[in-house]
Amino acid sequence: MRGMMSIERAKKAAAVAALDWISEGMCVGLGSGTTAECFIHELGKKCQAGFDVRAVASSERSRVCALEEKIPLLSSEEVVFLDVVVDGADEIDMQGGMIKGGGGALLCEKLLASVAKEVLIIVDETKCVSRLGTFPLPVEVVPFLIPAIQKKIESLGCRGRLRQVDGVPFETDLGHWIFDLFSYSEDVRTLQDSLKSIVGVVETGLFLNVATQGLIGREDGSVIARTFVCQS
């Protein structure tokens, strides 16, 4: 119980620290996951006190959370630019490389990041790794010719399984399915390109050269800030 309380303290510390990156008038992308939801709650407190921002959510769950917190939301059709995205990660390394998609919102999260000036990642310290690869890698695919797509993914030396909930394939907000890879190449940059070249693969949970800033919450409530340099 003490460990869980410490992790929750770390998540909240990172979420609260992220508020310093938000100015009135900004257009903010809201990530998905438990730490991102902590940020949504904290931002909601400010909005309810009259703080003026607009936001767009990366998942239905985050959208509902934002509405409950009275955060003014834009539809996806209204967004061409974001000042900042605030999101979490399942894993993040020292260079800002990440694995995301444990909650299934990886495509929309990556889309929001692609139109944002800054991508601020908030995590607790347990998500920090020296090398990506401990967390299963989600691969979002179309639900058509699944055996053929799986065979091509496995031809890259990957092993995994279709994500299911109660025996039924998990469906993303956009109607896609997800393969979770439990064994895959350590050369994630080459793997990213190889996976994306497979017809039927929509996106992967590898977020490379995406994060620009990071806030790492520690169990004692302190926060470590990092700046990441994106490389082509």
C-alpha atoms as a PDB file:
ATOM      1  CA  MET A   1       0.000   0.000   0.000  1.00  0.00           C
ATOM      2  CA  ARG A   2       2.819   2.387   0.866  1.00  0.00           C
ATOM      3  CA  GLY A   3       4.433   1.773  -2.534  1.00  0.00           C
ATOM      4  CA  MET A   4       1.216   2.538  -4.400  1.00  0.00           C
ATOM      5  CA  MET A   5       0.700   5.707  -2.379  1.00  0.00           C
ATOM      6  CA  SER A   6       4.249   6.795  -3.209  1.00  0.00           C
ATOM      7  CA  ILE A   7       3.685   6.220  -6.929  1.00  0.00           C
ATOM      8  CA  GLU A   8       0.440   8.191  -6.827  1.00  0.00           C
ATOM      9  CA  ARG A   9       2.304  10.997  -5.055  1.00  0.00           C
ATOM     10  CA  ALA A  10       4.931  10.950  -7.809  1.00  0.00           C
ATOM     11  CA  LYS A  11       2.289  11.080 -10.550  1.00  0.00           C
ATOM     12  CA  LYS A  12       0.510  13.995  -8.927  1.00  0.00           C
ATOM     13  CA  ALA A  13       3.781  15.867  -8.417  1.00  0.00           C
ATOM     14  CA  ALA A  14       4.586  15.608 -12.125  1.00  0.00           C
ATOM     15  CA  ALA A  15       1.025  16.617 -13.065  1.00  0.00           C
ATOM     16  CA  VAL A  16       1.066  19.679 -10.829  1.00  0.00           C
ATOM     17  CA  ALA A  17       4.499  20.713 -12.143  1.00  0.00           C
ATOM     18  CA  ALA A  18       3.146  20.514 -15.707  1.00  0.00           C
ATOM     19  CA  LEU A  19       0.736  23.367 -14.950  1.00  0.00           C
ATOM     20  CA  ASP A  20       3.701  25.759 -15.064  1.00  0.00           C
ATOM     21  CA  TRP A  21       3.929  25.031 -18.809  1.00  0.00           C
ATOM     22  CA  ILE A  22       0.357  26.126 -19.468  1.00  0.00           C
ATOM     23  CA  SER A  23      -0.498  29.775 -20.098  1.00  0.00           C
ATOM     24  CA  GLU A  24      -3.887  31.347 -20.658  1.00  0.00           C
ATOM     25  CA  GLY A  25      -5.009  31.311 -24.265  1.00  0.00           C
ATOM     26  CA  MET A  26      -3.134  28.119 -25.090  1.00  0.00           C
ATOM     27  CA  CYS A  27      -4.490  25.191 -27.058  1.00  0.00           C
ATOM     28  CA  VAL A  28      -3.541  22.063 -25.114  1.00  0.00           C
ATOM     29  CA  GLY A  29      -3.467  18.410 -26.138  1.00  0.00           C
ATOM     30  CA  LEU A  30      -4.568  16.050 -23.382  1.00  0.00           C
ATOM     31  CA  GLY A  31      -2.896  12.673 -23.298  1.00  0.00           C
ATOM     32  CA  SER A  32      -4.270   9.394 -21.989  1.00  0.00           C
ATOM     33  CA  GLY A  33      -3.432   7.175 -19.047  1.00  0.00           C
ATOM     34  CA  THR A  34      -3.394   7.556 -15.295  1.00  0.00           C
ATOM     35  CA  THR A  35      -0.713  10.261 -15.091  1.00  0.00           C
ATOM     36  CA  ALA A  36      -2.296  12.255 -17.913  1.00  0.00           C
ATOM     37  CA  GLU A  37      -5.598  12.027 -16.060  1.00  0.00           C
ATOM     38  CA  CYS A  38      -3.899  13.483 -12.975  1.00  0.00           C
ATOM     39  CA  PHE A  39      -2.937  16.457 -15.127  1.00  0.00           C
ATOM     40  CA  ILE A  40      -6.483  16.774 -16.482  1.00  0.00           C
ATOM     41  CA  HIS A  41      -7.795  16.936 -12.906  1.00  0.00           C
ATOM     42  CA  GLU A  42      -5.269  19.620 -11.959  1.00  0.00           C
ATOM     43  CA  LEU A  43      -5.930  21.662 -15.101  1.00  0.00           C
ATOM     44  CA  GLY A  44      -9.648  21.339 -14.465  1.00  0.00           C
ATOM     45  CA  LYS A  45      -9.260  22.997 -11.076  1.00  0.00           C
ATOM     46  CA  LYS A  46      -7.691  26.012 -12.764  1.00  0.00           C
ATOM     47  CA  CYS A  47     -10.316  26.137 -15.505  1.00  0.00           C
ATOM     48  CA  GLN A  48     -13.109  26.062 -12.936  1.00  0.00           C
ATOM     49  CA  ALA A  49     -11.439  29.069 -11.311  1.00  0.00           C
ATOM     50  CA  GLY A  50     -11.555  30.994 -14.605  1.00  0.00           C
ATOM     51  CA  PHE A  51      -8.314  29.950 -16.319  1.00  0.00           C
ATOM     52  CA  ASP A  52      -8.771  30.351 -20.081  1.00  0.00           C
ATOM     53  CA  VAL A  53      -7.499  27.491 -22.256  1.00  0.00           C
ATOM     54  CA  ARG A  54      -8.887  25.217 -24.943  1.00  0.00           C
ATOM     55  CA  ALA A  55      -8.049  21.534 -25.193  1.00  0.00           C
ATOM     56  CA  VAL A  56      -8.438  18.454 -27.355  1.00  0.00           C
ATOM     57  CA  ALA A  57      -8.397  14.928 -25.935  1.00  0.00           C
ATOM     58  CA  SER A  58      -6.512  11.940 -27.315  1.00  0.00           C
ATOM     59  CA  SER A  59      -9.072   9.360 -26.182  1.00  0.00           C
ATOM     60  CA  GLU A  60     -12.721   9.044 -25.269  1.00  0.00           C
ATOM     61  CA  ARG A  61     -11.771   8.422 -21.654  1.00  0.00           C
ATOM     62  CA  SER A  62      -9.687  11.594 -21.502  1.00  0.00           C
ATOM     63  CA  ARG A  63     -12.473  13.509 -23.239  1.00  0.00           C
ATOM     64  CA  VAL A  64     -15.007  12.411 -20.628  1.00  0.00           C
ATOM     65  CA  CYS A  65     -12.563  13.241 -17.837  1.00  0.00           C
ATOM     66  CA  ALA A  66     -11.986  16.725 -19.294  1.00  0.00           C
ATOM     67  CA  LEU A  67     -15.723  17.370 -19.603  1.00  0.00           C
ATOM     68  CA  GLU A  68     -16.213  16.352 -15.981  1.00  0.00           C
ATOM     69  CA  GLU A  69     -13.499  18.836 -15.017  1.00  0.00           C
ATOM     70  CA  LYS A  70     -15.190  21.613 -17.054  1.00  0.00           C
ATOM     71  CA  ILE A  71     -12.220  22.021 -19.426  1.00  0.00           C
ATOM     72  CA  PRO A  72     -13.391  23.662 -22.684  1.00  0.00           C
ATOM     73  CA  LEU A  73     -12.830  21.175 -25.503  1.00  0.00           C
ATOM     74  CA  LEU A  74     -12.260  21.549 -29.207  1.00  0.00           C
ATOM     75  CA  SER A  75     -13.316  18.885 -31.674  1.00  0.00           C
ATOM     76  CA  SER A  76     -10.608  17.143 -33.672  1.00  0.00           C
ATOM     77  CA  GLU A  77     -11.913  18.909 -36.800  1.00  0.00           C
ATOM     78  CA  GLU A  78     -10.996  22.294 -35.284  1.00  0.00           C
ATOM     79  CA  VAL A  79      -7.353  21.552 -34.490  1.00  0.00           C
ATOM     80  CA  VAL A  80      -4.428  22.310 -36.813  1.00  0.00           C
ATOM     81  CA  PHE A  81      -1.905  23.419 -34.172  1.00  0.00           C
ATOM     82  CA  LEU A  82      -1.338  22.846 -30.466  1.00  0.00           C
ATOM     83  CA  ASP A  83       0.846  24.889 -28.166  1.00  0.00           C
ATOM     84  CA  VAL A  84       1.632  21.868 -26.026  1.00  0.00           C
ATOM     85  CA  VAL A  85       0.631  18.255 -25.493  1.00  0.00           C
ATOM     86  CA  VAL A  86       0.814  16.881 -21.959  1.00  0.00           C
ATOM     87  CA  ASP A  87       0.935  13.101 -21.955  1.00  0.00           C
ATOM     88  CA  GLY A  88       2.337  10.131 -20.077  1.00  0.00           C
ATOM     89  CA  ALA A  89       4.378   7.105 -21.167  1.00  0.00           C
ATOM     90  CA  ASP A  90       4.616   3.408 -20.404  1.00  0.00           C
ATOM     91  CA  GLU A  91       8.416   3.631 -20.733  1.00  0.00           C
ATOM     92  CA  ILE A  92      10.791   6.509 -21.379  1.00  0.00           C
ATOM     93  CA  ASP A  93      14.563   6.398 -21.821  1.00  0.00           C
ATOM     94  CA  MET A  94      17.219   9.041 -21.180  1.00  0.00           C
ATOM     95  CA  GLN A  95      16.935  10.386 -24.747  1.00  0.00           C
ATOM     96  CA  GLY A  96      13.158  10.789 -24.552  1.00  0.00           C
ATOM     97  CA  GLY A  97      12.352   7.687 -26.594  1.00  0.00           C
ATOM     98  CA  MET A  98       9.113   6.119 -25.423  1.00  0.00           C
ATOM     99  CA  ILE A  99       6.794   3.170 -25.614  1.00  0.00           C
ATOM    100  CA  LYS A 100       3.163   4.231 -25.385  1.00  0.00           C
ATOM    101  CA  GLY A 101      -0.201   2.661 -26.077  1.00  0.00           C
ATOM    102  CA  GLY A 102      -0.880   0.564 -23.005  1.00  0.00           C
ATOM    103  CA  GLY A 103      -4.323   2.162 -22.937  1.00  0.00           C
ATOM    104  CA  GLY A 104      -4.837   1.832 -26.672  1.00  0.00           C
ATOM    105  CA  ALA A 105      -4.796   5.538 -27.650  1.00  0.00           C
ATOM    106  CA  LEU A 106      -1.393   5.534 -29.341  1.00  0.00           C
ATOM    107  CA  LEU A 107      -2.521   6.717 -32.789  1.00  0.00           C
ATOM    108  CA  CYS A 108      -4.406   9.763 -31.519  1.00  0.00           C
ATOM    109  CA  GLU A 109      -1.626  10.525 -29.030  1.00  0.00           C
ATOM    110  CA  LYS A 110       0.930  10.499 -31.838  1.00  0.00           C
ATOM    111  CA  LEU A 111      -1.307  12.639 -34.045  1.00  0.00           C
ATOM    112  CA  LEU A 112      -1.639  15.287 -31.328  1.00  0.00           C
ATOM    113  CA  ALA A 113       2.111  15.255 -30.752  1.00  0.00           C
ATOM    114  CA  SER A 114       2.729  15.732 -34.475  1.00  0.00           C
ATOM    115  CA  VAL A 115       0.953  19.116 -34.501  1.00  0.00           C
ATOM    116  CA  ALA A 116       2.282  20.414 -31.172  1.00  0.00           C
ATOM    117  CA  LYS A 117       5.012  22.961 -30.589  1.00  0.00           C
ATOM    118  CA  GLU A 118       6.005  21.224 -27.337  1.00  0.00           C
ATOM    119  CA  VAL A 119       5.429  17.655 -26.168  1.00  0.00           C
ATOM    120  CA  LEU A 120       5.638  17.514 -22.387  1.00  0.00           C
ATOM    121  CA  ILE A 121       5.831  13.996 -20.963  1.00  0.00           C
ATOM    122  CA  ILE A 122       4.898  13.473 -17.321  1.00  0.00           C
ATOM    123  CA  VAL A 123       5.729  10.172 -15.623  1.00  0.00           C
ATOM    124  CA  ASP A 124       6.539   8.715 -12.260  1.00  0.00           C
ATOM    125  CA  GLU A 125      10.101   7.526 -11.848  1.00  0.00           C
ATOM    126  CA  THR A 126       9.188   3.833 -12.255  1.00  0.00           C
ATOM    127  CA  LYS A 127       8.598   4.505 -15.984  1.00  0.00           C
ATOM    128  CA  CYS A 128      12.208   5.550 -16.604  1.00  0.00           C
ATOM    129  CA  VAL A 129      14.425   2.920 -18.260  1.00  0.00           C
ATOM    130  CA  SER A 130      17.963   2.813 -19.607  1.00  0.00           C
ATOM    131  CA  ARG A 131      16.792   0.989 -22.732  1.00  0.00           C
ATOM    132  CA  LEU A 132      13.330   0.555 -24.236  1.00  0.00           C
ATOM    133  CA  GLY A 133      11.940  -2.955 -24.359  1.00  0.00           C
ATOM    134  CA  THR A 134      10.591  -4.046 -20.979  1.00  0.00           C
ATOM    135  CA  PHE A 135       7.013  -2.946 -21.678  1.00  0.00           C
ATOM    136  CA  PRO A 136       5.090  -4.774 -24.434  1.00  0.00           C
ATOM    137  CA  LEU A 137       5.110  -2.833 -27.697  1.00  0.00           C
ATOM    138  CA  PRO A 138       1.602  -2.089 -29.016  1.00  0.00           C
ATOM    139  CA  VAL A 139       1.120  -2.243 -32.778  1.00  0.00           C
ATOM    140  CA  GLU A 140      -2.177  -0.849 -34.052  1.00  0.00           C
ATOM    141  CA  VAL A 141      -3.598  -2.731 -37.038  1.00  0.00           C
ATOM    142  CA  VAL A 142      -6.733  -2.759 -39.172  1.00  0.00           C
ATOM    143  CA  PRO A 143      -9.151  -5.602 -38.303  1.00  0.00           C
ATOM    144  CA  PHE A 144      -8.898  -7.169 -41.766  1.00  0.00           C
ATOM    145  CA  LEU A 145      -6.728 -10.112 -42.827  1.00  0.00           C
ATOM    146  CA  ILE A 146      -5.410 -10.299 -39.275  1.00  0.00           C
ATOM    147  CA  PRO A 147      -3.593 -13.662 -39.721  1.00  0.00           C
ATOM    148  CA  ALA A 148      -1.695 -12.274 -42.733  1.00  0.00           C
ATOM    149  CA  ILE A 149      -0.716  -9.100 -40.885  1.00  0.00           C
ATOM    150  CA  GLN A 150       0.393 -11.115 -37.864  1.00  0.00           C
ATOM    151  CA  LYS A 151       2.517 -13.399 -40.056  1.00  0.00           C
ATOM    152  CA  LYS A 152       4.303 -10.407 -41.564  1.00  0.00           C
ATOM    153  CA  ILE A 153       4.931  -8.895 -38.118  1.00  0.00           C
ATOM    154  CA  GLU A 154       6.327 -12.210 -36.876  1.00  0.00           C
ATOM    155  CA  SER A 155       8.581 -12.428 -39.949  1.00  0.00           C
ATOM    156  CA  LEU A 156      10.515  -9.523 -38.390  1.00  0.00           C
ATOM    157  CA  GLY A 157      11.404 -11.729 -35.437  1.00  0.00           C
ATOM    158  CA  CYS A 158       8.643 -10.341 -33.240  1.00  0.00           C
ATOM    159  CA  ARG A 159       6.382 -12.397 -31.003  1.00  0.00           C
ATOM    160  CA  GLY A 160       3.139 -11.246 -29.450  1.00  0.00           C
ATOM    161  CA  ARG A 161      -0.600 -11.657 -29.337  1.00  0.00           C
ATOM    162  CA  LEU A 162      -3.772  -9.839 -30.182  1.00  0.00           C
ATOM    163  CA  ARG A 163      -4.984  -7.743 -27.263  1.00  0.00           C
ATOM    164  CA  GLN A 164      -8.295  -9.030 -25.933  1.00  0.00           C
ATOM    165  CA  VAL A 165     -10.760  -8.065 -23.243  1.00  0.00           C
ATOM    166  CA  ASP A 166     -13.005 -10.840 -21.932  1.00  0.00           C
ATOM    167  CA  GLY A 167     -12.116 -12.968 -24.940  1.00  0.00           C
ATOM    168  CA  VAL A 168     -13.016 -10.272 -27.469  1.00  0.00           C
ATOM    169  CA  PRO A 169     -10.438  -8.267 -29.461  1.00  0.00           C
ATOM    170  CA  PHE A 170      -9.774  -4.884 -27.863  1.00  0.00           C
ATOM    171  CA  GLU A 171     -10.970  -2.109 -30.177  1.00  0.00           C
ATOM    172  CA  THR A 172      -9.435   1.357 -30.188  1.00  0.00           C
ATOM    173  CA  ASP A 173     -11.539   4.516 -30.311  1.00  0.00           C
ATOM    174  CA  LEU A 174     -10.917   4.578 -34.073  1.00  0.00           C
ATOM    175  CA  GLY A 175     -12.007   0.971 -34.588  1.00  0.00           C
ATOM    176  CA  HIS A 176      -8.601  -0.679 -34.915  1.00  0.00           C
ATOM    177  CA  TRP A 177      -7.134  -3.704 -33.132  1.00  0.00           C
ATOM    178  CA  ILE A 178      -3.799  -4.006 -31.305  1.00  0.00           C
ATOM    179  CA  PHE A 179      -1.040  -6.602 -31.307  1.00  0.00           C
ATOM    180  CA  ASP A 180       1.067  -6.444 -28.156  1.00  0.00           C
ATOM    181  CA  LEU A 181       4.618  -7.550 -28.922  1.00  0.00           C
ATOM    182  CA  PHE A 182       6.428  -9.172 -25.999  1.00  0.00           C
ATOM    183  CA  SER A 183       9.576 -10.032 -27.925  1.00  0.00           C
ATOM    184  CA  TYR A 184      11.085  -7.721 -30.519  1.00  0.00           C
ATOM    185  CA  SER A 185      14.345  -6.276 -31.813  1.00  0.00           C
ATOM    186  CA  GLU A 186      16.441  -4.002 -29.610  1.00  0.00           C
ATOM    187  CA  ASP A 187      17.087  -1.876 -32.703  1.00  0.00           C
ATOM    188  CA  VAL A 188      13.828   0.003 -32.266  1.00  0.00           C
ATOM    189  CA  ARG A 189      14.478   2.586 -34.987  1.00  0.00           C
ATOM    190  CA  THR A 190      14.843  -0.077 -37.666  1.00  0.00           C
ATOM    191  CA  LEU A 191      11.927  -1.995 -36.165  1.00  0.00           C
ATOM    192  CA  GLN A 192       9.728   1.099 -36.345  1.00  0.00           C
ATOM    193  CA  ASP A 193      10.407   1.512 -40.063  1.00  0.00           C
ATOM    194  CA  SER A 194       9.921  -2.199 -40.754  1.00  0.00           C
ATOM    195  CA  LEU A 195       6.611  -2.383 -38.915  1.00  0.00           C
ATOM    196  CA  LYS A 196       5.269   0.755 -40.580  1.00  0.00           C
ATOM    197  CA  SER A 197       6.103  -0.716 -44.015  1.00  0.00           C
ATOM    198  CA  ILE A 198       3.622  -3.579 -43.463  1.00  0.00           C
ATOM    199  CA  VAL A 199       0.290  -2.940 -45.158  1.00  0.00           C
ATOM    200  CA  GLY A 200      -2.351  -3.086 -42.438  1.00  0.00           C
ATOM    201  CA  VAL A 201      -0.162  -1.679 -39.675  1.00  0.00           C
ATOM    202  CA  VAL A 202      -1.587   1.728 -38.813  1.00  0.00           C
ATOM    203  CA  GLU A 203       0.877   2.860 -36.157  1.00  0.00           C
ATOM    204  CA  THR A 204       3.240   1.590 -33.474  1.00  0.00           C
ATOM    205  CA  GLY A 205       3.710   2.485 -29.838  1.00  0.00           C
ATOM    206  CA  LEU A 206       7.291   3.549 -30.467  1.00  0.00           C
ATOM    207  CA  PHE A 207       7.482   7.316 -29.914  1.00  0.00           C
ATOM    208  CA  LEU A 208      10.955   8.322 -31.074  1.00  0.00           C
ATOM    209  CA  ASN A 209      12.027  11.966 -31.431  1.00  0.00           C
ATOM    210  CA  VAL A 210       8.648  13.079 -30.136  1.00  0.00           C
ATOM    211  CA  ALA A 211       9.146  14.289 -26.558  1.00  0.00           C
ATOM    212  CA  THR A 212      10.661  17.747 -26.149  1.00  0.00           C
ATOM    213  CA  GLN A 213      10.389  18.024 -22.366  1.00  0.00           C
ATOM    214  CA  GLY A 214       9.961  15.599 -19.485  1.00  0.00           C
ATOM    215  CA  LEU A 215       8.829  15.916 -15.892  1.00  0.00           C
ATOM    216  CA  ILE A 216       9.640  12.914 -13.711  1.00  0.00           C
ATOM    217  CA  GLY A 217       7.799  12.695 -10.422  1.00  0.00           C
ATOM    218  CA  ARG A 218       9.625  11.008  -7.569  1.00  0.00           C
ATOM    219  CA  GLU A 219       8.125   9.108  -4.688  1.00  0.00           C
ATOM    220  CA  ASP A 220       9.126  11.832  -2.226  1.00  0.00           C
ATOM    221  CA  GLY A 221       7.040  14.351  -4.189  1.00  0.00           C
ATOM    222  CA  SER A 222       9.945  16.091  -5.928  1.00  0.00           C
ATOM    223  CA  VAL A 223      10.144  16.479  -9.707  1.00  0.00           C
ATOM    224  CA  ILE A 224      13.081  16.187 -12.105  1.00  0.00           C
ATOM    225  CA  ALA A 225      12.866  18.186 -15.351  1.00  0.00           C
ATOM    226  CA  ARG A 226      14.570  17.072 -18.563  1.00  0.00           C
ATOM    227  CA  THR A 227      14.918  18.599 -22.001  1.00  0.00           C
ATOM    228  CA  PHE A 228      15.110  16.279 -24.997  1.00  0.00           C
ATOM    229  CA  VAL A 229      16.661  17.140 -28.350  1.00  0.00           C
ATOM    230  CA  CYS A 230      14.744  15.636 -31.252  1.00  0.00           C
ATOM    231  CA  GLN A 231      16.963  14.346 -34.053  1.00  0.00           C
ATOM    232  CA  SER A 232      16.108  13.598 -37.656  1.00  0.00           C
END
